Amino acid sequence: MPTFRDSHGVQWAVSRRWWPSRFGLLRGPMMSGDGMYGLVQLVIALPFLLVWPVWLVTRLCGAPWTIVVGRARRQVHAERVAGWVASGRRITEIVASVQADGGVSLPGPVAGAG
């Protein structure tokens, strides 16, 4: 994820979003593995562990990636780009635009991307 400062000293970050923004299940408490609590966590995590390889293959084969642009640790823009290579190119374009003139030419935000 490119993180840099513009000519005004403001920190920017541009990255692909790997999971939907509201996906908070894995942001919970640390997995401990102690007794019944560990078993419950395993039952909750197992479907995600089984689906993850399929999800990754679809992403690498052209499913759209959401590119997130952050300024001063706040999301200012998100857009969807199909394909890993195309999304990488768009990230490079956004970074170059911000570094060149401190601004960025971004289309309107994606509905539901926040």
PDB file of N, CA and C in Angstrom:
ATOM      1  N   MET A   1       0.841  -1.169   0.000  1.00  0.00           N
ATOM      2  CA  MET A   1       0.000   0.000   0.000  1.00  0.00           C
ATOM      3  C   MET A   1       0.890   1.237   0.000  1.00  0.00           C
ATOM      4  N   PRO A   2       0.835   2.034  -1.067  1.00  0.00           N
ATOM      5  CA  PRO A   2       1.631   3.261  -1.089  1.00  0.00           C
ATOM      6  C   PRO A   2       1.132   4.268  -0.040  1.00  0.00           C
ATOM      7  N   THR A   3       2.026   4.676   0.839  1.00  0.00           N
ATOM      8  CA  THR A   3       1.753   5.722   1.814  1.00  0.00           C
ATOM      9  C   THR A   3       2.816   6.787   1.615  1.00  0.00           C
ATOM     10  N   PHE A   4       2.376   8.045   1.501  1.00  0.00           N
ATOM     11  CA  PHE A   4       3.320   9.119   1.217  1.00  0.00           C
ATOM     12  C   PHE A   4       2.732  10.436   1.703  1.00  0.00           C
ATOM     13  N   ARG A   5       3.553  11.480   1.670  1.00  0.00           N
ATOM     14  CA  ARG A   5       3.105  12.829   2.040  1.00  0.00           C
ATOM     15  C   ARG A   5       3.123  13.714   0.797  1.00  0.00           C
ATOM     16  N   ASP A   6       2.106  14.575   0.689  1.00  0.00           N
ATOM     17  CA  ASP A   6       2.053  15.489  -0.442  1.00  0.00           C
ATOM     18  C   ASP A   6       2.899  16.731  -0.137  1.00  0.00           C
ATOM     19  N   SER A   7       2.856  17.713  -1.039  1.00  0.00           N
ATOM     20  CA  SER A   7       3.695  18.907  -0.876  1.00  0.00           C
ATOM     21  C   SER A   7       3.297  19.753   0.331  1.00  0.00           C
ATOM     22  N   HIS A   8       2.090  19.530   0.867  1.00  0.00           N
ATOM     23  CA  HIS A   8       1.626  20.267   2.049  1.00  0.00           C
ATOM     24  C   HIS A   8       1.875  19.485   3.337  1.00  0.00           C
ATOM     25  N   GLY A   9       2.503  18.318   3.228  1.00  0.00           N
ATOM     26  CA  GLY A   9       2.808  17.508   4.401  1.00  0.00           C
ATOM     27  C   GLY A   9       1.671  16.612   4.875  1.00  0.00           C
ATOM     28  N   VAL A  10       0.616  16.507   4.075  1.00  0.00           N
ATOM     29  CA  VAL A  10      -0.527  15.668   4.446  1.00  0.00           C
ATOM     30  C   VAL A  10      -0.253  14.232   4.004  1.00  0.00           C
ATOM     31  N   GLN A  11      -0.516  13.292   4.893  1.00  0.00           N
ATOM     32  CA  GLN A  11      -0.267  11.884   4.578  1.00  0.00           C
ATOM     33  C   GLN A  11      -1.421  11.301   3.753  1.00  0.00           C
ATOM     34  N   TRP A  12      -1.066  10.562   2.699  1.00  0.00           N
ATOM     35  CA  TRP A  12      -2.016   9.887   1.821  1.00  0.00           C
ATOM     36  C   TRP A  12      -1.716   8.391   1.843  1.00  0.00           C
ATOM     37  N   ALA A  13      -2.752   7.582   1.598  1.00  0.00           N
ATOM     38  CA  ALA A  13      -2.595   6.135   1.459  1.00  0.00           C
ATOM     39  C   ALA A  13      -3.553   5.672   0.366  1.00  0.00           C
ATOM     40  N   VAL A  14      -3.061   4.835  -0.542  1.00  0.00           N
ATOM     41  CA  VAL A  14      -3.878   4.297  -1.633  1.00  0.00           C
ATOM     42  C   VAL A  14      -3.704   2.784  -1.613  1.00  0.00           C
ATOM     43  N   SER A  15      -4.817   2.050  -1.557  1.00  0.00           N
ATOM     44  CA  SER A  15      -4.717   0.598  -1.462  1.00  0.00           C
ATOM     45  C   SER A  15      -5.959  -0.089  -2.012  1.00  0.00           C
ATOM     46  N   ARG A  16      -5.830  -1.395  -2.203  1.00  0.00           N
ATOM     47  CA  ARG A  16      -6.984  -2.218  -2.559  1.00  0.00           C
ATOM     48  C   ARG A  16      -7.658  -2.648  -1.268  1.00  0.00           C
ATOM     49  N   ARG A  17      -8.978  -2.692  -1.274  1.00  0.00           N
ATOM     50  CA  ARG A  17      -9.710  -3.204  -0.122  1.00  0.00           C
ATOM     51  C   ARG A  17      -9.875  -4.701  -0.319  1.00  0.00           C
ATOM     52  N   TRP A  18      -9.362  -5.493   0.602  1.00  0.00           N
ATOM     53  CA  TRP A  18      -9.399  -6.946   0.469  1.00  0.00           C
ATOM     54  C   TRP A  18     -10.731  -7.536   0.879  1.00  0.00           C
ATOM     55  N   TRP A  19     -11.387  -6.946   1.848  1.00  0.00           N
ATOM     56  CA  TRP A  19     -12.681  -7.446   2.329  1.00  0.00           C
ATOM     57  C   TRP A  19     -13.686  -6.311   2.285  1.00  0.00           C
ATOM     58  N   PRO A  20     -14.978  -6.626   2.216  1.00  0.00           N
ATOM     59  CA  PRO A  20     -15.992  -5.561   2.289  1.00  0.00           C
ATOM     60  C   PRO A  20     -15.779  -4.715   3.540  1.00  0.00           C
ATOM     61  N   SER A  21     -16.069  -3.420   3.448  1.00  0.00           N
ATOM     62  CA  SER A  21     -15.735  -2.494   4.524  1.00  0.00           C
ATOM     63  C   SER A  21     -16.449  -2.798   5.826  1.00  0.00           C
ATOM     64  N   ARG A  22     -17.601  -3.389   5.793  1.00  0.00           N
ATOM     65  CA  ARG A  22     -18.355  -3.640   7.009  1.00  0.00           C
ATOM     66  C   ARG A  22     -18.079  -5.033   7.580  1.00  0.00           C
ATOM     67  N   PHE A  23     -17.092  -5.729   7.046  1.00  0.00           N
ATOM     68  CA  PHE A  23     -16.760  -7.076   7.491  1.00  0.00           C
ATOM     69  C   PHE A  23     -15.949  -6.963   8.769  1.00  0.00           C
ATOM     70  N   GLY A  24     -16.594  -7.108   9.918  1.00  0.00           N
ATOM     71  CA  GLY A  24     -15.921  -6.892  11.180  1.00  0.00           C
ATOM     72  C   GLY A  24     -15.721  -8.128  12.020  1.00  0.00           C
ATOM     73  N   LEU A  25     -16.100  -9.299  11.533  1.00  0.00           N
ATOM     74  CA  LEU A  25     -16.026 -10.500  12.334  1.00  0.00           C
ATOM     75  C   LEU A  25     -14.595 -10.807  12.777  1.00  0.00           C
ATOM     76  N   LEU A  26     -13.635 -10.628  11.869  1.00  0.00           N
ATOM     77  CA  LEU A  26     -12.258 -10.963  12.207  1.00  0.00           C
ATOM     78  C   LEU A  26     -11.545  -9.853  12.975  1.00  0.00           C
ATOM     79  N   ARG A  27     -12.230  -8.734  13.218  1.00  0.00           N
ATOM     80  CA  ARG A  27     -11.627  -7.655  13.990  1.00  0.00           C
ATOM     81  C   ARG A  27     -11.981  -7.760  15.468  1.00  0.00           C
ATOM     82  N   GLY A  28     -12.584  -8.857  15.877  1.00  0.00           N
ATOM     83  CA  GLY A  28     -13.001  -9.059  17.258  1.00  0.00           C
ATOM     84  C   GLY A  28     -11.827  -9.366  18.160  1.00  0.00           C
ATOM     85  N   PRO A  29     -12.101  -9.970  19.325  1.00  0.00           N
ATOM     86  CA  PRO A  29     -11.021 -10.289  20.249  1.00  0.00           C
ATOM     87  C   PRO A  29     -10.079 -11.332  19.660  1.00  0.00           C
ATOM     88  N   MET A  30      -8.895 -11.407  20.211  1.00  0.00           N
ATOM     89  CA  MET A  30      -7.908 -12.377  19.736  1.00  0.00           C
ATOM     90  C   MET A  30      -8.446 -13.794  19.916  1.00  0.00           C
ATOM     91  N   MET A  31      -8.101 -14.675  18.973  1.00  0.00           N
ATOM     92  CA  MET A  31      -8.512 -16.073  19.092  1.00  0.00           C
ATOM     93  C   MET A  31      -7.636 -16.729  20.144  1.00  0.00           C
ATOM     94  N   SER A  32      -8.262 -17.341  21.115  1.00  0.00           N
ATOM     95  CA  SER A  32      -7.480 -17.901  22.216  1.00  0.00           C
ATOM     96  C   SER A  32      -7.344 -19.414  22.136  1.00  0.00           C
ATOM     97  N   GLY A  33      -8.369 -20.109  21.644  1.00  0.00           N
ATOM     98  CA  GLY A  33      -8.318 -21.551  21.548  1.00  0.00           C
ATOM     99  C   GLY A  33      -8.569 -22.256  22.867  1.00  0.00           C
ATOM    100  N   ASP A  34      -9.041 -21.545  23.884  1.00  0.00           N
ATOM    101  CA  ASP A  34      -9.283 -22.147  25.194  1.00  0.00           C
ATOM    102  C   ASP A  34     -10.688 -22.749  25.271  1.00  0.00           C
ATOM    103  N   GLY A  35     -10.773 -24.055  25.380  1.00  0.00           N
ATOM    104  CA  GLY A  35     -12.023 -24.763  25.656  1.00  0.00           C
ATOM    105  C   GLY A  35     -13.158 -24.445  24.709  1.00  0.00           C
ATOM    106  N   MET A  36     -14.312 -24.203  25.278  1.00  0.00           N
ATOM    107  CA  MET A  36     -15.534 -23.982  24.510  1.00  0.00           C
ATOM    108  C   MET A  36     -15.443 -22.699  23.679  1.00  0.00           C
ATOM    109  N   TYR A  37     -14.810 -21.665  24.215  1.00  0.00           N
ATOM    110  CA  TYR A  37     -14.668 -20.409  23.485  1.00  0.00           C
ATOM    111  C   TYR A  37     -13.870 -20.620  22.197  1.00  0.00           C
ATOM    112  N   GLY A  38     -12.814 -21.415  22.274  1.00  0.00           N
ATOM    113  CA  GLY A  38     -12.011 -21.724  21.088  1.00  0.00           C
ATOM    114  C   GLY A  38     -12.806 -22.515  20.066  1.00  0.00           C
ATOM    115  N   LEU A  39     -13.646 -23.427  20.524  1.00  0.00           N
ATOM    116  CA  LEU A  39     -14.484 -24.212  19.621  1.00  0.00           C
ATOM    117  C   LEU A  39     -15.499 -23.321  18.906  1.00  0.00           C
ATOM    118  N   VAL A  40     -16.095 -22.403  19.632  1.00  0.00           N
ATOM    119  CA  VAL A  40     -17.048 -21.467  19.024  1.00  0.00           C
ATOM    120  C   VAL A  40     -16.341 -20.614  17.978  1.00  0.00           C
ATOM    121  N   GLN A  41     -15.155 -20.146  18.282  1.00  0.00           N
ATOM    122  CA  GLN A  41     -14.408 -19.345  17.322  1.00  0.00           C
ATOM    123  C   GLN A  41     -14.060 -20.160  16.080  1.00  0.00           C
ATOM    124  N   LEU A  42     -13.704 -21.409  16.250  1.00  0.00           N
ATOM    125  CA  LEU A  42     -13.397 -22.267  15.113  1.00  0.00           C
ATOM    126  C   LEU A  42     -14.622 -22.466  14.235  1.00  0.00           C
ATOM    127  N   VAL A  43     -15.777 -22.701  14.839  1.00  0.00           N
ATOM    128  CA  VAL A  43     -17.016 -22.880  14.074  1.00  0.00           C
ATOM    129  C   VAL A  43     -17.354 -21.618  13.294  1.00  0.00           C
ATOM    130  N   ILE A  44     -17.115 -20.459  13.880  1.00  0.00           N
ATOM    131  CA  ILE A  44     -17.385 -19.192  13.187  1.00  0.00           C
ATOM    132  C   ILE A  44     -16.370 -18.963  12.068  1.00  0.00           C
ATOM    133  N   ALA A  45     -15.109 -19.278  12.308  1.00  0.00           N
ATOM    134  CA  ALA A  45     -14.054 -19.000  11.331  1.00  0.00           C
ATOM    135  C   ALA A  45     -14.003 -20.011  10.189  1.00  0.00           C
ATOM    136  N   LEU A  46     -14.444 -21.231  10.408  1.00  0.00           N
ATOM    137  CA  LEU A  46     -14.329 -22.289   9.411  1.00  0.00           C
ATOM    138  C   LEU A  46     -14.962 -21.942   8.061  1.00  0.00           C
ATOM    139  N   PRO A  47     -16.187 -21.404   8.012  1.00  0.00           N
ATOM    140  CA  PRO A  47     -16.739 -21.056   6.693  1.00  0.00           C
ATOM    141  C   PRO A  47     -15.872 -20.050   5.929  1.00  0.00           C
ATOM    142  N   PHE A  48     -15.279 -19.096   6.637  1.00  0.00           N
ATOM    143  CA  PHE A  48     -14.423 -18.106   5.981  1.00  0.00           C
ATOM    144  C   PHE A  48     -13.141 -18.746   5.460  1.00  0.00           C
ATOM    145  N   LEU A  49     -12.614 -19.699   6.211  1.00  0.00           N
ATOM    146  CA  LEU A  49     -11.401 -20.391   5.772  1.00  0.00           C
ATOM    147  C   LEU A  49     -11.665 -21.265   4.546  1.00  0.00           C
ATOM    148  N   LEU A  50     -12.875 -21.794   4.433  1.00  0.00           N
ATOM    149  CA  LEU A  50     -13.221 -22.623   3.282  1.00  0.00           C
ATOM    150  C   LEU A  50     -13.549 -21.792   2.044  1.00  0.00           C
ATOM    151  N   VAL A  51     -14.131 -20.613   2.238  1.00  0.00           N
ATOM    152  CA  VAL A  51     -14.534 -19.759   1.118  1.00  0.00           C
ATOM    153  C   VAL A  51     -13.376 -18.919   0.604  1.00  0.00           C
ATOM    154  N   TRP A  52     -12.410 -18.618   1.452  1.00  0.00           N
ATOM    155  CA  TRP A  52     -11.336 -17.713   1.087  1.00  0.00           C
ATOM    156  C   TRP A  52     -10.588 -18.102  -0.187  1.00  0.00           C
ATOM    157  N   PRO A  53     -10.198 -19.359  -0.394  1.00  0.00           N
ATOM    158  CA  PRO A  53      -9.477 -19.693  -1.632  1.00  0.00           C
ATOM    159  C   PRO A  53     -10.310 -19.425  -2.894  1.00  0.00           C
ATOM    160  N   VAL A  54     -11.600 -19.719  -2.846  1.00  0.00           N
ATOM    161  CA  VAL A  54     -12.479 -19.454  -3.994  1.00  0.00           C
ATOM    162  C   VAL A  54     -12.570 -17.961  -4.233  1.00  0.00           C
ATOM    163  N   TRP A  55     -12.728 -17.198  -3.157  1.00  0.00           N
ATOM    164  CA  TRP A  55     -12.811 -15.748  -3.274  1.00  0.00           C
ATOM    165  C   TRP A  55     -11.536 -15.187  -3.898  1.00  0.00           C
ATOM    166  N   LEU A  56     -10.373 -15.672  -3.459  1.00  0.00           N
ATOM    167  CA  LEU A  56      -9.098 -15.178  -3.975  1.00  0.00           C
ATOM    168  C   LEU A  56      -8.951 -15.466  -5.459  1.00  0.00           C
ATOM    169  N   VAL A  57      -9.316 -16.656  -5.888  1.00  0.00           N
ATOM    170  CA  VAL A  57      -9.218 -17.017  -7.311  1.00  0.00           C
ATOM    171  C   VAL A  57     -10.117 -16.116  -8.155  1.00  0.00           C
ATOM    172  N   THR A  58     -11.339 -15.851  -7.692  1.00  0.00           N
ATOM    173  CA  THR A  58     -12.224 -14.966  -8.469  1.00  0.00           C
ATOM    174  C   THR A  58     -11.643 -13.562  -8.550  1.00  0.00           C
ATOM    175  N   ARG A  59     -11.035 -13.075  -7.475  1.00  0.00           N
ATOM    176  CA  ARG A  59     -10.416 -11.744  -7.508  1.00  0.00           C
ATOM    177  C   ARG A  59      -9.259 -11.696  -8.503  1.00  0.00           C
ATOM    178  N   LEU A  60      -8.438 -12.714  -8.483  1.00  0.00           N
ATOM    179  CA  LEU A  60      -7.279 -12.734  -9.376  1.00  0.00           C
ATOM    180  C   LEU A  60      -7.677 -12.960 -10.831  1.00  0.00           C
ATOM    181  N   CYS A  61      -8.864 -13.481 -11.061  1.00  0.00           N
ATOM    182  CA  CYS A  61      -9.334 -13.742 -12.434  1.00  0.00           C
ATOM    183  C   CYS A  61     -10.186 -12.609 -12.987  1.00  0.00           C
ATOM    184  N   GLY A  62     -10.255 -11.482 -12.322  1.00  0.00           N
ATOM    185  CA  GLY A  62     -10.927 -10.338 -12.914  1.00  0.00           C
ATOM    186  C   GLY A  62     -12.078  -9.730 -12.148  1.00  0.00           C
ATOM    187  N   ALA A  63     -12.446 -10.262 -11.003  1.00  0.00           N
ATOM    188  CA  ALA A  63     -13.512  -9.632 -10.213  1.00  0.00           C
ATOM    189  C   ALA A  63     -13.042  -8.236  -9.785  1.00  0.00           C
ATOM    190  N   PRO A  64     -13.964  -7.288  -9.680  1.00  0.00           N
ATOM    191  CA  PRO A  64     -13.550  -5.917  -9.359  1.00  0.00           C
ATOM    192  C   PRO A  64     -12.954  -5.774  -7.959  1.00  0.00           C
ATOM    193  N   TRP A  65     -11.911  -4.958  -7.878  1.00  0.00           N
ATOM    194  CA  TRP A  65     -11.281  -4.589  -6.620  1.00  0.00           C
ATOM    195  C   TRP A  65     -11.751  -3.182  -6.270  1.00  0.00           C
ATOM    196  N   THR A  66     -11.918  -2.896  -5.010  1.00  0.00           N
ATOM    197  CA  THR A  66     -12.221  -1.537  -4.578  1.00  0.00           C
ATOM    198  C   THR A  66     -10.918  -0.881  -4.170  1.00  0.00           C
ATOM    199  N   ILE A  67     -10.601   0.235  -4.821  1.00  0.00           N
ATOM    200  CA  ILE A  67      -9.411   1.012  -4.493  1.00  0.00           C
ATOM    201  C   ILE A  67      -9.844   2.105  -3.532  1.00  0.00           C
ATOM    202  N   VAL A  68      -9.150   2.212  -2.410  1.00  0.00           N
ATOM    203  CA  VAL A  68      -9.489   3.177  -1.375  1.00  0.00           C
ATOM    204  C   VAL A  68      -8.388   4.225  -1.299  1.00  0.00           C
ATOM    205  N   VAL A  69      -8.790   5.496  -1.313  1.00  0.00           N
ATOM    206  CA  VAL A  69      -7.844   6.610  -1.191  1.00  0.00           C
ATOM    207  C   VAL A  69      -8.111   7.281   0.148  1.00  0.00           C
ATOM    208  N   GLY A  70      -7.059   7.368   0.971  1.00  0.00           N
ATOM    209  CA  GLY A  70      -7.176   8.014   2.268  1.00  0.00           C
ATOM    210  C   GLY A  70      -6.288   9.238   2.342  1.00  0.00           C
ATOM    211  N   ARG A  71      -6.792  10.262   2.996  1.00  0.00           N
ATOM    212  CA  ARG A  71      -6.035  11.501   3.200  1.00  0.00           C
ATOM    213  C   ARG A  71      -6.127  11.839   4.677  1.00  0.00           C
ATOM    214  N   ALA A  72      -4.987  11.967   5.320  1.00  0.00           N
ATOM    215  CA  ALA A  72      -4.923  12.269   6.754  1.00  0.00           C
ATOM    216  C   ALA A  72      -5.745  11.252   7.549  1.00  0.00           C
ATOM    217  N   ARG A  73      -5.588   9.969   7.205  1.00  0.00           N
ATOM    218  CA  ARG A  73      -6.239   8.838   7.880  1.00  0.00           C
ATOM    219  C   ARG A  73      -7.757   8.814   7.759  1.00  0.00           C
ATOM    220  N   ARG A  74      -8.296   9.511   6.771  1.00  0.00           N
ATOM    221  CA  ARG A  74      -9.737   9.474   6.508  1.00  0.00           C
ATOM    222  C   ARG A  74      -9.947   9.092   5.060  1.00  0.00           C
ATOM    223  N   GLN A  75     -10.891   8.215   4.808  1.00  0.00           N
ATOM    224  CA  GLN A  75     -11.178   7.804   3.435  1.00  0.00           C
ATOM    225  C   GLN A  75     -11.838   8.961   2.700  1.00  0.00           C
ATOM    226  N   VAL A  76     -11.247   9.342   1.560  1.00  0.00           N
ATOM    227  CA  VAL A  76     -11.799  10.435   0.775  1.00  0.00           C
ATOM    228  C   VAL A  76     -12.383   9.954  -0.546  1.00  0.00           C
ATOM    229  N   HIS A  77     -12.054   8.727  -0.930  1.00  0.00           N
ATOM    230  CA  HIS A  77     -12.546   8.230  -2.210  1.00  0.00           C
ATOM    231  C   HIS A  77     -12.411   6.716  -2.268  1.00  0.00           C
ATOM    232  N   ALA A  78     -13.327   6.109  -3.020  1.00  0.00           N
ATOM    233  CA  ALA A  78     -13.226   4.673  -3.320  1.00  0.00           C
ATOM    234  C   ALA A  78     -13.776   4.468  -4.719  1.00  0.00           C
ATOM    235  N   GLU A  79     -13.143   3.597  -5.462  1.00  0.00           N
ATOM    236  CA  GLU A  79     -13.631   3.264  -6.805  1.00  0.00           C
ATOM    237  C   GLU A  79     -13.342   1.806  -7.102  1.00  0.00           C
ATOM    238  N   ARG A  80     -14.137   1.230  -7.984  1.00  0.00           N
ATOM    239  CA  ARG A  80     -13.977  -0.183  -8.334  1.00  0.00           C
ATOM    240  C   ARG A  80     -13.300  -0.298  -9.690  1.00  0.00           C
ATOM    241  N   VAL A  81     -12.312  -1.199  -9.742  1.00  0.00           N
ATOM    242  CA  VAL A  81     -11.571  -1.448 -10.971  1.00  0.00           C
ATOM    243  C   VAL A  81     -11.459  -2.958 -11.137  1.00  0.00           C
ATOM    244  N   ALA A  82     -11.832  -3.462 -12.310  1.00  0.00           N
ATOM    245  CA  ALA A  82     -11.788  -4.902 -12.559  1.00  0.00           C
ATOM    246  C   ALA A  82     -10.363  -5.352 -12.860  1.00  0.00           C
ATOM    247  N   GLY A  83      -9.908  -6.392 -12.166  1.00  0.00           N
ATOM    248  CA  GLY A  83      -8.607  -6.992 -12.436  1.00  0.00           C
ATOM    249  C   GLY A  83      -7.493  -6.465 -11.561  1.00  0.00           C
ATOM    250  N   TRP A  84      -6.591  -7.372 -11.214  1.00  0.00           N
ATOM    251  CA  TRP A  84      -5.449  -7.037 -10.364  1.00  0.00           C
ATOM    252  C   TRP A  84      -4.510  -6.051 -11.053  1.00  0.00           C
ATOM    253  N   VAL A  85      -4.167  -6.309 -12.303  1.00  0.00           N
ATOM    254  CA  VAL A  85      -3.223  -5.457 -13.027  1.00  0.00           C
ATOM    255  C   VAL A  85      -3.817  -4.066 -13.251  1.00  0.00           C
ATOM    256  N   ALA A  86      -5.081  -4.011 -13.668  1.00  0.00           N
ATOM    257  CA  ALA A  86      -5.725  -2.713 -13.908  1.00  0.00           C
ATOM    258  C   ALA A  86      -5.839  -1.910 -12.611  1.00  0.00           C
ATOM    259  N   SER A  87      -6.143  -2.578 -11.505  1.00  0.00           N
ATOM    260  CA  SER A  87      -6.239  -1.853 -10.235  1.00  0.00           C
ATOM    261  C   SER A  87      -4.860  -1.351  -9.797  1.00  0.00           C
ATOM    262  N   GLY A  88      -3.818  -2.124 -10.061  1.00  0.00           N
ATOM    263  CA  GLY A  88      -2.465  -1.673  -9.759  1.00  0.00           C
ATOM    264  C   GLY A  88      -2.075  -0.450 -10.576  1.00  0.00           C
ATOM    265  N   ARG A  89      -2.474  -0.464 -11.862  1.00  0.00           N
ATOM    266  CA  ARG A  89      -2.211   0.702 -12.718  1.00  0.00           C
ATOM    267  C   ARG A  89      -2.935   1.940 -12.198  1.00  0.00           C
ATOM    268  N   ARG A  90      -4.195   1.760 -11.769  1.00  0.00           N
ATOM    269  CA  ARG A  90      -4.974   2.900 -11.277  1.00  0.00           C
ATOM    270  C   ARG A  90      -4.374   3.441  -9.974  1.00  0.00           C
ATOM    271  N   ILE A  91      -3.899   2.560  -9.111  1.00  0.00           N
ATOM    272  CA  ILE A  91      -3.238   3.010  -7.877  1.00  0.00           C
ATOM    273  C   ILE A  91      -2.018   3.850  -8.224  1.00  0.00           C
ATOM    274  N   THR A  92      -1.229   3.403  -9.201  1.00  0.00           N
ATOM    275  CA  THR A  92      -0.055   4.153  -9.642  1.00  0.00           C
ATOM    276  C   THR A  92      -0.448   5.522 -10.192  1.00  0.00           C
ATOM    277  N   GLU A  93      -1.535   5.582 -10.975  1.00  0.00           N
ATOM    278  CA  GLU A  93      -2.016   6.858 -11.519  1.00  0.00           C
ATOM    279  C   GLU A  93      -2.435   7.812 -10.410  1.00  0.00           C
ATOM    280  N   ILE A  94      -3.158   7.304  -9.422  1.00  0.00           N
ATOM    281  CA  ILE A  94      -3.621   8.148  -8.324  1.00  0.00           C
ATOM    282  C   ILE A  94      -2.431   8.690  -7.535  1.00  0.00           C
ATOM    283  N   VAL A  95      -1.474   7.828  -7.214  1.00  0.00           N
ATOM    284  CA  VAL A  95      -0.297   8.253  -6.459  1.00  0.00           C
ATOM    285  C   VAL A  95       0.475   9.315  -7.241  1.00  0.00           C
ATOM    286  N   ALA A  96       0.686   9.096  -8.539  1.00  0.00           N
ATOM    287  CA  ALA A  96       1.421  10.065  -9.362  1.00  0.00           C
ATOM    288  C   ALA A  96       0.688  11.400  -9.416  1.00  0.00           C
ATOM    289  N   SER A  97      -0.628  11.376  -9.534  1.00  0.00           N
ATOM    290  CA  SER A  97      -1.427  12.599  -9.603  1.00  0.00           C
ATOM    291  C   SER A  97      -1.319  13.396  -8.306  1.00  0.00           C
ATOM    292  N   VAL A  98      -1.437  12.727  -7.171  1.00  0.00           N
ATOM    293  CA  VAL A  98      -1.356  13.422  -5.881  1.00  0.00           C
ATOM    294  C   VAL A  98       0.042  13.982  -5.667  1.00  0.00           C
ATOM    295  N   GLN A  99       1.070  13.210  -6.001  1.00  0.00           N
ATOM    296  CA  GLN A  99       2.443  13.672  -5.795  1.00  0.00           C
ATOM    297  C   GLN A  99       2.795  14.821  -6.737  1.00  0.00           C
ATOM    298  N   ALA A 100       2.217  14.827  -7.929  1.00  0.00           N
ATOM    299  CA  ALA A 100       2.558  15.854  -8.917  1.00  0.00           C
ATOM    300  C   ALA A 100       1.999  17.223  -8.551  1.00  0.00           C
ATOM    301  N   ASP A 101       0.717  17.281  -8.191  1.00  0.00           N
ATOM    302  CA  ASP A 101       0.117  18.596  -7.975  1.00  0.00           C
ATOM    303  C   ASP A 101      -0.666  18.712  -6.677  1.00  0.00           C
ATOM    304  N   GLY A 102      -0.554  17.729  -5.800  1.00  0.00           N
ATOM    305  CA  GLY A 102      -1.230  17.813  -4.521  1.00  0.00           C
ATOM    306  C   GLY A 102      -2.715  17.541  -4.603  1.00  0.00           C
ATOM    307  N   GLY A 103      -3.217  17.376  -5.789  1.00  0.00           N
ATOM    308  CA  GLY A 103      -4.617  17.061  -5.980  1.00  0.00           C
ATOM    309  C   GLY A 103      -4.728  15.751  -6.703  1.00  0.00           C
ATOM    310  N   VAL A 104      -5.914  15.286  -6.873  1.00  0.00           N
ATOM    311  CA  VAL A 104      -6.093  14.023  -7.559  1.00  0.00           C
ATOM    312  C   VAL A 104      -7.361  14.089  -8.376  1.00  0.00           C
ATOM    313  N   SER A 105      -7.293  13.597  -9.607  1.00  0.00           N
ATOM    314  CA  SER A 105      -8.484  13.580 -10.438  1.00  0.00           C
ATOM    315  C   SER A 105      -9.203  12.264 -10.182  1.00  0.00           C
ATOM    316  N   LEU A 106     -10.272  12.343  -9.417  1.00  0.00           N
ATOM    317  CA  LEU A 106     -11.020  11.165  -9.057  1.00  0.00           C
ATOM    318  C   LEU A 106     -12.452  11.291  -9.549  1.00  0.00           C
ATOM    319  N   PRO A 107     -12.974  10.210 -10.108  1.00  0.00           N
ATOM    320  CA  PRO A 107     -14.395  10.246 -10.422  1.00  0.00           C
ATOM    321  C   PRO A 107     -15.187  10.230  -9.121  1.00  0.00           C
ATOM    322  N   GLY A 108     -16.497  10.363  -9.200  1.00  0.00           N
ATOM    323  CA  GLY A 108     -17.331  10.368  -8.006  1.00  0.00           C
ATOM    324  C   GLY A 108     -17.166   9.091  -7.200  1.00  0.00           C
ATOM    325  N   PRO A 109     -17.507   9.139  -5.913  1.00  0.00           N
ATOM    326  CA  PRO A 109     -17.361   7.967  -5.053  1.00  0.00           C
ATOM    327  C   PRO A 109     -18.293   6.842  -5.480  1.00  0.00           C
ATOM    328  N   VAL A 110     -17.912   5.641  -5.149  1.00  0.00           N
ATOM    329  CA  VAL A 110     -18.706   4.463  -5.452  1.00  0.00           C
ATOM    330  C   VAL A 110     -19.826   4.357  -4.448  1.00  0.00           C
ATOM    331  N   ALA A 111     -21.021   4.088  -4.906  1.00  0.00           N
ATOM    332  CA  ALA A 111     -22.151   3.917  -4.006  1.00  0.00           C
ATOM    333  C   ALA A 111     -21.895   2.730  -3.106  1.00  0.00           C
ATOM    334  N   GLY A 112     -22.052   2.917  -1.825  1.00  0.00           N
ATOM    335  CA  GLY A 112     -21.889   1.827  -0.874  1.00  0.00           C
ATOM    336  C   GLY A 112     -20.444   1.448  -0.587  1.00  0.00           C
ATOM    337  N   ALA A 113     -19.490   2.235  -1.045  1.00  0.00           N
ATOM    338  CA  ALA A 113     -18.088   1.891  -0.825  1.00  0.00           C
ATOM    339  C   ALA A 113     -17.586   2.330   0.532  1.00  0.00           C
ATOM    340  N   GLY A 114     -18.311   3.185   1.224  1.00  0.00           N
ATOM    341  CA  GLY A 114     -17.830   3.727   2.501  1.00  0.00           C
ATOM    342  C   GLY A 114     -17.979   2.854   3.623  1.00  0.00           C
TER     343      GLY A 114
END
